[in-house]
PDB file of N, CA and C in Angstrom:
ATOM      1  N   MET A   1      65.759  82.908 147.016  1.00  0.00           N
ATOM      2  CA  MET A   1      65.630  81.653 147.712  1.00  0.00           C
ATOM      3  C   MET A   1      66.601  81.572 148.884  1.00  0.00           C
ATOM      4  N   VAL A   2      67.781  82.149 148.706  1.00  0.00           N
ATOM      5  CA  VAL A   2      68.773  82.101 149.789  1.00  0.00           C
ATOM      6  C   VAL A   2      68.227  82.791 151.031  1.00  0.00           C
ATOM      7  N   ALA A   3      67.641  83.966 150.862  1.00  0.00           N
ATOM      8  CA  ALA A   3      67.098  84.704 152.007  1.00  0.00           C
ATOM      9  C   ALA A   3      65.941  83.940 152.650  1.00  0.00           C
ATOM     10  N   ILE A   4      65.065  83.373 151.853  1.00  0.00           N
ATOM     11  CA  ILE A   4      63.939  82.602 152.383  1.00  0.00           C
ATOM     12  C   ILE A   4      64.449  81.383 153.149  1.00  0.00           C
ATOM     13  N   TYR A   5      65.440  80.714 152.592  1.00  0.00           N
ATOM     14  CA  TYR A   5      66.010  79.541 153.257  1.00  0.00           C
ATOM     15  C   TYR A   5      66.613  79.927 154.612  1.00  0.00           C
ATOM     16  N   LYS A   6      67.374  81.008 154.621  1.00  0.00           N
ATOM     17  CA  LYS A   6      67.983  81.461 155.879  1.00  0.00           C
ATOM     18  C   LYS A   6      66.921  81.820 156.910  1.00  0.00           C
ATOM     19  N   GLU A   7      65.848  82.443 156.450  1.00  0.00           N
ATOM     20  CA  GLU A   7      64.786  82.869 157.362  1.00  0.00           C
ATOM     21  C   GLU A   7      63.994  81.702 157.941  1.00  0.00           C
ATOM     22  N   PHE A   8      63.739  80.677 157.146  1.00  0.00           N
ATOM     23  CA  PHE A   8      62.797  79.645 157.562  1.00  0.00           C
ATOM     24  C   PHE A   8      63.383  78.250 157.785  1.00  0.00           C
ATOM     25  N   HIS A   9      64.633  78.037 157.468  1.00  0.00           N
ATOM     26  CA  HIS A   9      65.197  76.695 157.623  1.00  0.00           C
ATOM     27  C   HIS A   9      65.102  76.203 159.067  1.00  0.00           C
ATOM     28  N   ASP A  10      65.432  77.047 160.027  1.00  0.00           N
ATOM     29  CA  ASP A  10      65.367  76.652 161.433  1.00  0.00           C
ATOM     30  C   ASP A  10      63.933  76.396 161.905  1.00  0.00           C
ATOM     31  N   LYS A  11      62.956  76.845 161.120  1.00  0.00           N
ATOM     32  CA  LYS A  11      61.547  76.647 161.472  1.00  0.00           C
ATOM     33  C   LYS A  11      60.950  75.443 160.753  1.00  0.00           C
ATOM     34  N   GLY A  12      61.778  74.753 159.938  1.00  0.00           N
ATOM     35  CA  GLY A  12      61.309  73.541 159.291  1.00  0.00           C
ATOM     36  C   GLY A  12      61.360  73.520 157.786  1.00  0.00           C
ATOM     37  N   LEU A  13      61.741  74.622 157.151  1.00  0.00           N
ATOM     38  CA  LEU A  13      61.801  74.647 155.693  1.00  0.00           C
ATOM     39  C   LEU A  13      63.010  73.868 155.188  1.00  0.00           C
ATOM     40  N   ASN A  14      62.777  73.006 154.250  1.00  0.00           N
ATOM     41  CA  ASN A  14      63.849  72.332 153.531  1.00  0.00           C
ATOM     42  C   ASN A  14      63.650  72.596 152.051  1.00  0.00           C
ATOM     43  N   ILE A  15      64.747  72.745 151.342  1.00  0.00           N
ATOM     44  CA  ILE A  15      64.700  72.968 149.902  1.00  0.00           C
ATOM     45  C   ILE A  15      65.479  71.847 149.229  1.00  0.00           C
ATOM     46  N   VAL A  16      64.932  71.369 148.134  1.00  0.00           N
ATOM     47  CA  VAL A  16      65.653  70.444 147.274  1.00  0.00           C
ATOM     48  C   VAL A  16      65.685  71.089 145.897  1.00  0.00           C
ATOM     49  N   GLY A  17      66.881  71.400 145.438  1.00  0.00           N
ATOM     50  CA  GLY A  17      67.048  71.981 144.116  1.00  0.00           C
ATOM     51  C   GLY A  17      67.229  70.877 143.098  1.00  0.00           C
ATOM     52  N   VAL A  18      66.428  70.907 142.055  1.00  0.00           N
ATOM     53  CA  VAL A  18      66.539  69.923 140.981  1.00  0.00           C
ATOM     54  C   VAL A  18      67.034  70.658 139.747  1.00  0.00           C
ATOM     55  N   SER A  19      68.201  70.265 139.276  1.00  0.00           N
ATOM     56  CA  SER A  19      68.818  70.948 138.152  1.00  0.00           C
ATOM     57  C   SER A  19      68.531  70.252 136.842  1.00  0.00           C
ATOM     58  N   LEU A  20      68.322  71.050 135.800  1.00  0.00           N
ATOM     59  CA  LEU A  20      68.161  70.519 134.463  1.00  0.00           C
ATOM     60  C   LEU A  20      69.436  70.715 133.646  1.00  0.00           C
ATOM     61  N   ASP A  21      70.546  70.900 134.343  1.00  0.00           N
ATOM     62  CA  ASP A  21      71.831  71.062 133.667  1.00  0.00           C
ATOM     63  C   ASP A  21      72.242  69.793 132.938  1.00  0.00           C
ATOM     64  N   LYS A  22      73.197  69.975 132.012  1.00  0.00           N
ATOM     65  CA  LYS A  22      73.818  68.856 131.320  1.00  0.00           C
ATOM     66  C   LYS A  22      75.284  68.715 131.709  1.00  0.00           C
ATOM     67  N   ASP A  23      75.872  69.776 132.215  1.00  0.00           N
ATOM     68  CA  ASP A  23      77.295  69.819 132.523  1.00  0.00           C
ATOM     69  C   ASP A  23      77.498  69.835 134.035  1.00  0.00           C
ATOM     70  N   ALA A  24      78.041  68.756 134.586  1.00  0.00           N
ATOM     71  CA  ALA A  24      78.207  68.632 136.039  1.00  0.00           C
ATOM     72  C   ALA A  24      79.099  69.717 136.610  1.00  0.00           C
ATOM     73  N   ALA A  25      80.177  70.046 135.932  1.00  0.00           N
ATOM     74  CA  ALA A  25      81.107  71.051 136.447  1.00  0.00           C
ATOM     75  C   ALA A  25      80.448  72.420 136.543  1.00  0.00           C
ATOM     76  N   LYS A  26      79.735  72.819 135.510  1.00  0.00           N
ATOM     77  CA  LYS A  26      79.052  74.120 135.529  1.00  0.00           C
ATOM     78  C   LYS A  26      77.956  74.148 136.589  1.00  0.00           C
ATOM     79  N   TRP A  27      77.242  73.055 136.747  1.00  0.00           N
ATOM     80  CA  TRP A  27      76.182  72.951 137.751  1.00  0.00           C
ATOM     81  C   TRP A  27      76.767  73.129 139.150  1.00  0.00           C
ATOM     82  N   LYS A  28      77.824  72.394 139.460  1.00  0.00           N
ATOM     83  CA  LYS A  28      78.459  72.482 140.776  1.00  0.00           C
ATOM     84  C   LYS A  28      79.093  73.844 141.008  1.00  0.00           C
ATOM     85  N   GLU A  29      79.627  74.444 139.956  1.00  0.00           N
ATOM     86  CA  GLU A  29      80.207  75.786 140.054  1.00  0.00           C
ATOM     87  C   GLU A  29      79.133  76.813 140.421  1.00  0.00           C
ATOM     88  N   ALA A  30      77.970  76.709 139.811  1.00  0.00           N
ATOM     89  CA  ALA A  30      76.875  77.637 140.097  1.00  0.00           C
ATOM     90  C   ALA A  30      76.391  77.486 141.540  1.00  0.00           C
ATOM     91  N   ILE A  31      76.315  76.266 142.039  1.00  0.00           N
ATOM     92  CA  ILE A  31      75.912  76.037 143.433  1.00  0.00           C
ATOM     93  C   ILE A  31      76.896  76.711 144.380  1.00  0.00           C
ATOM     94  N   ALA A  32      78.183  76.535 144.119  1.00  0.00           N
ATOM     95  CA  ALA A  32      79.214  77.131 144.971  1.00  0.00           C
ATOM     96  C   ALA A  32      79.211  78.650 144.864  1.00  0.00           C
ATOM     97  N   LYS A  33      79.115  79.168 143.651  1.00  0.00           N
ATOM     98  CA  LYS A  33      79.132  80.619 143.432  1.00  0.00           C
ATOM     99  C   LYS A  33      77.980  81.310 144.153  1.00  0.00           C
ATOM    100  N   ASP A  34      76.806  80.716 144.080  1.00  0.00           N
ATOM    101  CA  ASP A  34      75.614  81.316 144.691  1.00  0.00           C
ATOM    102  C   ASP A  34      75.449  80.940 146.159  1.00  0.00           C
ATOM    103  N   ARG A  35      76.368  80.119 146.673  1.00  0.00           N
ATOM    104  CA  ARG A  35      76.358  79.682 148.075  1.00  0.00           C
ATOM    105  C   ARG A  35      75.018  79.057 148.464  1.00  0.00           C
ATOM    106  N   LEU A  36      74.602  78.107 147.678  1.00  0.00           N
ATOM    107  CA  LEU A  36      73.340  77.412 147.901  1.00  0.00           C
ATOM    108  C   LEU A  36      73.624  76.205 148.791  1.00  0.00           C
ATOM    109  N   THR A  37      73.150  76.261 150.015  1.00  0.00           N
ATOM    110  CA  THR A  37      73.536  75.259 151.010  1.00  0.00           C
ATOM    111  C   THR A  37      72.534  74.120 151.181  1.00  0.00           C
ATOM    112  N   TRP A  38      71.445  74.157 150.466  1.00  0.00           N
ATOM    113  CA  TRP A  38      70.464  73.080 150.587  1.00  0.00           C
ATOM    114  C   TRP A  38      70.823  71.921 149.659  1.00  0.00           C
ATOM    115  N   THR A  39      70.024  70.877 149.687  1.00  0.00           N
ATOM    116  CA  THR A  39      70.252  69.678 148.886  1.00  0.00           C
ATOM    117  C   THR A  39      70.021  69.960 147.398  1.00  0.00           C
ATOM    118  N   HIS A  40      70.911  69.430 146.568  1.00  0.00           N
ATOM    119  CA  HIS A  40      70.806  69.577 145.111  1.00  0.00           C
ATOM    120  C   HIS A  40      70.891  68.209 144.471  1.00  0.00           C
ATOM    121  N   VAL A  41      70.054  67.995 143.455  1.00  0.00           N
ATOM    122  CA  VAL A  41      70.084  66.738 142.708  1.00  0.00           C
ATOM    123  C   VAL A  41      69.993  67.030 141.215  1.00  0.00           C
ATOM    124  N   SER A  42      70.564  66.143 140.438  1.00  0.00           N
ATOM    125  CA  SER A  42      70.443  66.218 138.990  1.00  0.00           C
ATOM    126  C   SER A  42      70.928  64.915 138.388  1.00  0.00           C
ATOM    127  N   ASN A  43      70.274  64.509 137.356  1.00  0.00           N
ATOM    128  CA  ASN A  43      70.729  63.374 136.560  1.00  0.00           C
ATOM    129  C   ASN A  43      71.453  63.864 135.316  1.00  0.00           C
ATOM    130  N   LEU A  44      71.614  65.205 135.217  1.00  0.00           N
ATOM    131  CA  LEU A  44      72.293  65.844 134.084  1.00  0.00           C
ATOM    132  C   LEU A  44      71.654  65.457 132.750  1.00  0.00           C
ATOM    133  N   LYS A  45      70.313  65.405 132.762  1.00  0.00           N
ATOM    134  CA  LYS A  45      69.571  64.985 131.567  1.00  0.00           C
ATOM    135  C   LYS A  45      68.745  66.107 130.946  1.00  0.00           C
ATOM    136  N   PHE A  46      69.029  67.364 131.356  1.00  0.00           N
ATOM    137  CA  PHE A  46      68.333  68.512 130.800  1.00  0.00           C
ATOM    138  C   PHE A  46      66.821  68.281 130.921  1.00  0.00           C
ATOM    139  N   TRP A  47      66.054  68.447 129.863  1.00  0.00           N
ATOM    140  CA  TRP A  47      64.596  68.313 129.958  1.00  0.00           C
ATOM    141  C   TRP A  47      64.139  66.870 130.118  1.00  0.00           C
ATOM    142  N   ASP A  48      65.040  65.925 130.013  1.00  0.00           N
ATOM    143  CA  ASP A  48      64.683  64.527 130.236  1.00  0.00           C
ATOM    144  C   ASP A  48      64.852  64.133 131.697  1.00  0.00           C
ATOM    145  N   GLU A  49      65.057  65.114 132.576  1.00  0.00           N
ATOM    146  CA  GLU A  49      65.178  64.873 134.011  1.00  0.00           C
ATOM    147  C   GLU A  49      63.891  64.209 134.515  1.00  0.00           C
ATOM    148  N   PRO A  50      63.968  63.021 135.113  1.00  0.00           N
ATOM    149  CA  PRO A  50      62.757  62.323 135.571  1.00  0.00           C
ATOM    150  C   PRO A  50      61.911  63.113 136.570  1.00  0.00           C
ATOM    151  N   ILE A  51      62.540  63.832 137.468  1.00  0.00           N
ATOM    152  CA  ILE A  51      61.760  64.610 138.447  1.00  0.00           C
ATOM    153  C   ILE A  51      60.993  65.724 137.746  1.00  0.00           C
ATOM    154  N   ALA A  52      61.614  66.365 136.763  1.00  0.00           N
ATOM    155  CA  ALA A  52      60.922  67.413 136.000  1.00  0.00           C
ATOM    156  C   ALA A  52      59.720  66.829 135.272  1.00  0.00           C
ATOM    157  N   ALA A  53      59.883  65.641 134.732  1.00  0.00           N
ATOM    158  CA  ALA A  53      58.758  64.982 134.050  1.00  0.00           C
ATOM    159  C   ALA A  53      57.659  64.623 135.039  1.00  0.00           C
ATOM    160  N   GLN A  54      58.050  64.106 136.200  1.00  0.00           N
ATOM    161  CA  GLN A  54      57.062  63.707 137.208  1.00  0.00           C
ATOM    162  C   GLN A  54      56.204  64.885 137.654  1.00  0.00           C
ATOM    163  N   TYR A  55      56.835  66.059 137.806  1.00  0.00           N
ATOM    164  CA  TYR A  55      56.101  67.245 138.269  1.00  0.00           C
ATOM    165  C   TYR A  55      55.615  68.115 137.111  1.00  0.00           C
ATOM    166  N   LYS A  56      55.769  67.632 135.889  1.00  0.00           N
ATOM    167  CA  LYS A  56      55.289  68.322 134.696  1.00  0.00           C
ATOM    168  C   LYS A  56      55.840  69.745 134.574  1.00  0.00           C
ATOM    169  N   VAL A  57      57.143  69.885 134.807  1.00  0.00           N
ATOM    170  CA  VAL A  57      57.801  71.186 134.691  1.00  0.00           C
ATOM    171  C   VAL A  57      57.829  71.566 133.216  1.00  0.00           C
ATOM    172  N   GLN A  58      57.290  72.749 132.911  1.00  0.00           N
ATOM    173  CA  GLN A  58      57.231  73.238 131.537  1.00  0.00           C
ATOM    174  C   GLN A  58      58.204  74.388 131.286  1.00  0.00           C
ATOM    175  N   SER A  59      58.636  75.049 132.361  1.00  0.00           N
ATOM    176  CA  SER A  59      59.583  76.159 132.235  1.00  0.00           C
ATOM    177  C   SER A  59      60.366  76.262 133.537  1.00  0.00           C
ATOM    178  N   ILE A  60      61.514  76.907 133.459  1.00  0.00           N
ATOM    179  CA  ILE A  60      62.327  77.093 134.652  1.00  0.00           C
ATOM    180  C   ILE A  60      62.641  78.574 134.816  1.00  0.00           C
ATOM    181  N   PRO A  61      62.722  79.051 136.044  1.00  0.00           N
ATOM    182  CA  PRO A  61      62.618  78.260 137.266  1.00  0.00           C
ATOM    183  C   PRO A  61      61.173  77.873 137.572  1.00  0.00           C
ATOM    184  N   ALA A  62      61.032  76.780 138.269  1.00  0.00           N
ATOM    185  CA  ALA A  62      59.724  76.310 138.732  1.00  0.00           C
ATOM    186  C   ALA A  62      59.848  76.054 140.234  1.00  0.00           C
ATOM    187  N   THR A  63      58.828  76.388 140.982  1.00  0.00           N
ATOM    188  CA  THR A  63      58.835  76.124 142.422  1.00  0.00           C
ATOM    189  C   THR A  63      57.617  75.300 142.790  1.00  0.00           C
ATOM    190  N   PHE A  64      57.832  74.375 143.703  1.00  0.00           N
ATOM    191  CA  PHE A  64      56.767  73.534 144.229  1.00  0.00           C
ATOM    192  C   PHE A  64      56.917  73.501 145.737  1.00  0.00           C
ATOM    193  N   ILE A  65      55.832  73.727 146.448  1.00  0.00           N
ATOM    194  CA  ILE A  65      55.833  73.576 147.895  1.00  0.00           C
ATOM    195  C   ILE A  65      55.084  72.289 148.201  1.00  0.00           C
ATOM    196  N   LEU A  66      55.770  71.387 148.888  1.00  0.00           N
ATOM    197  CA  LEU A  66      55.183  70.117 149.272  1.00  0.00           C
ATOM    198  C   LEU A  66      54.977  70.096 150.774  1.00  0.00           C
ATOM    199  N   ASP A  67      53.889  69.478 151.208  1.00  0.00           N
ATOM    200  CA  ASP A  67      53.682  69.324 152.644  1.00  0.00           C
ATOM    201  C   ASP A  67      54.470  68.111 153.136  1.00  0.00           C
ATOM    202  N   ALA A  68      54.342  67.802 154.403  1.00  0.00           N
ATOM    203  CA  ALA A  68      55.115  66.712 155.016  1.00  0.00           C
ATOM    204  C   ALA A  68      54.824  65.354 154.382  1.00  0.00           C
ATOM    205  N   SER A  69      53.640  65.209 153.783  1.00  0.00           N
ATOM    206  CA  SER A  69      53.290  63.929 153.160  1.00  0.00           C
ATOM    207  C   SER A  69      53.722  63.856 151.698  1.00  0.00           C
ATOM    208  N   GLY A  70      54.272  64.948 151.157  1.00  0.00           N
ATOM    209  CA  GLY A  70      54.716  64.974 149.769  1.00  0.00           C
ATOM    210  C   GLY A  70      53.690  65.521 148.800  1.00  0.00           C
ATOM    211  N   LYS A  71      52.558  65.991 149.305  1.00  0.00           N
ATOM    212  CA  LYS A  71      51.511  66.554 148.456  1.00  0.00           C
ATOM    213  C   LYS A  71      51.886  67.987 148.058  1.00  0.00           C
ATOM    214  N   VAL A  72      51.747  68.312 146.772  1.00  0.00           N
ATOM    215  CA  VAL A  72      51.997  69.674 146.301  1.00  0.00           C
ATOM    216  C   VAL A  72      50.869  70.568 146.805  1.00  0.00           C
ATOM    217  N   VAL A  73      51.229  71.599 147.579  1.00  0.00           N
ATOM    218  CA  VAL A  73      50.216  72.512 148.122  1.00  0.00           C
ATOM    219  C   VAL A  73      50.267  73.885 147.462  1.00  0.00           C
ATOM    220  N   ALA A  74      51.332  74.163 146.713  1.00  0.00           N
ATOM    221  CA  ALA A  74      51.434  75.415 145.960  1.00  0.00           C
ATOM    222  C   ALA A  74      52.549  75.252 144.936  1.00  0.00           C
ATOM    223  N   LYS A  75      52.446  76.024 143.850  1.00  0.00           N
ATOM    224  CA  LYS A  75      53.523  75.959 142.862  1.00  0.00           C
ATOM    225  C   LYS A  75      53.669  77.281 142.130  1.00  0.00           C
ATOM    226  N   ASP A  76      54.874  77.468 141.613  1.00  0.00           N
ATOM    227  CA  ASP A  76      55.240  78.626 140.804  1.00  0.00           C
ATOM    228  C   ASP A  76      55.020  79.969 141.496  1.00  0.00           C
ATOM    229  N   LEU A  77      55.194  79.981 142.807  1.00  0.00           N
ATOM    230  CA  LEU A  77      55.146  81.243 143.540  1.00  0.00           C
ATOM    231  C   LEU A  77      56.528  81.878 143.494  1.00  0.00           C
ATOM    232  N   ARG A  78      56.579  83.197 143.588  1.00  0.00           N
ATOM    233  CA  ARG A  78      57.841  83.931 143.569  1.00  0.00           C
ATOM    234  C   ARG A  78      57.810  85.025 144.632  1.00  0.00           C
ATOM    235  N   GLY A  79      58.967  85.468 145.022  1.00  0.00           N
ATOM    236  CA  GLY A  79      59.118  86.643 145.872  1.00  0.00           C
ATOM    237  C   GLY A  79      58.290  86.607 147.144  1.00  0.00           C
ATOM    238  N   GLU A  80      57.609  87.703 147.394  1.00  0.00           N
ATOM    239  CA  GLU A  80      56.845  87.847 148.633  1.00  0.00           C
ATOM    240  C   GLU A  80      55.696  86.851 148.722  1.00  0.00           C
ATOM    241  N   GLU A  81      55.113  86.508 147.604  1.00  0.00           N
ATOM    242  CA  GLU A  81      54.029  85.522 147.600  1.00  0.00           C
ATOM    243  C   GLU A  81      54.546  84.155 148.070  1.00  0.00           C
ATOM    244  N   LEU A  82      55.741  83.779 147.625  1.00  0.00           N
ATOM    245  CA  LEU A  82      56.362  82.532 148.056  1.00  0.00           C
ATOM    246  C   LEU A  82      56.682  82.583 149.542  1.00  0.00           C
ATOM    247  N   ARG A  83      57.290  83.674 149.975  1.00  0.00           N
ATOM    248  CA  ARG A  83      57.644  83.846 151.383  1.00  0.00           C
ATOM    249  C   ARG A  83      56.406  83.756 152.277  1.00  0.00           C
ATOM    250  N   ALA A  84      55.329  84.433 151.878  1.00  0.00           N
ATOM    251  CA  ALA A  84      54.100  84.450 152.673  1.00  0.00           C
ATOM    252  C   ALA A  84      53.489  83.045 152.776  1.00  0.00           C
ATOM    253  N   LYS A  85      53.496  82.303 151.695  1.00  0.00           N
ATOM    254  CA  LYS A  85      52.928  80.951 151.707  1.00  0.00           C
ATOM    255  C   LYS A  85      53.746  80.034 152.608  1.00  0.00           C
ATOM    256  N   ILE A  86      55.065  80.135 152.550  1.00  0.00           N
ATOM    257  CA  ILE A  86      55.926  79.327 153.419  1.00  0.00           C
ATOM    258  C   ILE A  86      55.672  79.676 154.873  1.00  0.00           C
ATOM    259  N   LYS A  87      55.594  80.958 155.156  1.00  0.00           N
ATOM    260  CA  LYS A  87      55.338  81.407 156.534  1.00  0.00           C
ATOM    261  C   LYS A  87      54.000  80.870 157.015  1.00  0.00           C
ATOM    262  N   GLU A  88      52.983  80.934 156.189  1.00  0.00           N
ATOM    263  CA  GLU A  88      51.647  80.432 156.539  1.00  0.00           C
ATOM    264  C   GLU A  88      51.695  78.929 156.841  1.00  0.00           C
ATOM    265  N   LEU A  89      52.333  78.166 155.991  1.00  0.00           N
ATOM    266  CA  LEU A  89      52.378  76.716 156.161  1.00  0.00           C
ATOM    267  C   LEU A  89      53.197  76.298 157.373  1.00  0.00           C
ATOM    268  N   LEU A  90      54.257  77.008 157.672  1.00  0.00           N
ATOM    269  CA  LEU A  90      55.080  76.650 158.821  1.00  0.00           C
ATOM    270  C   LEU A  90      54.430  77.049 160.145  1.00  0.00           C
ATOM    271  N   ALA A  91      53.451  77.953 160.080  1.00  0.00           N
ATOM    272  CA  ALA A  91      52.753  78.384 161.293  1.00  0.00           C
ATOM    273  C   ALA A  91      51.708  77.374 161.742  1.00  0.00           C
ATOM    274  N   LYS A  92      51.378  76.437 160.881  1.00  0.00           N
ATOM    275  CA  LYS A  92      50.322  75.454 161.189  1.00  0.00           C
ATOM    276  C   LYS A  92      50.832  74.409 162.148  1.00  0.00           C
TER     277      LYS A  92
END
């Protein structure tokens, strides 16, 4: 995700990381360790996280690509498939 973010952020990609952590210190430590510079949110409620419930997250990691209106246009893509979909959507 870090490489994809670096490649596409200037072209319009934004990432919001939603954590299912329970421990704020460990969550913040992981963000710093991995140098994740995008927006992060968590209610520290593990599987009771409201955003996870709203998007029906059943396993982690989970990825969702939303368009400018907030509509989910792809989900659970990884690696090159994720990169290609982001590139396609940003070219429109």
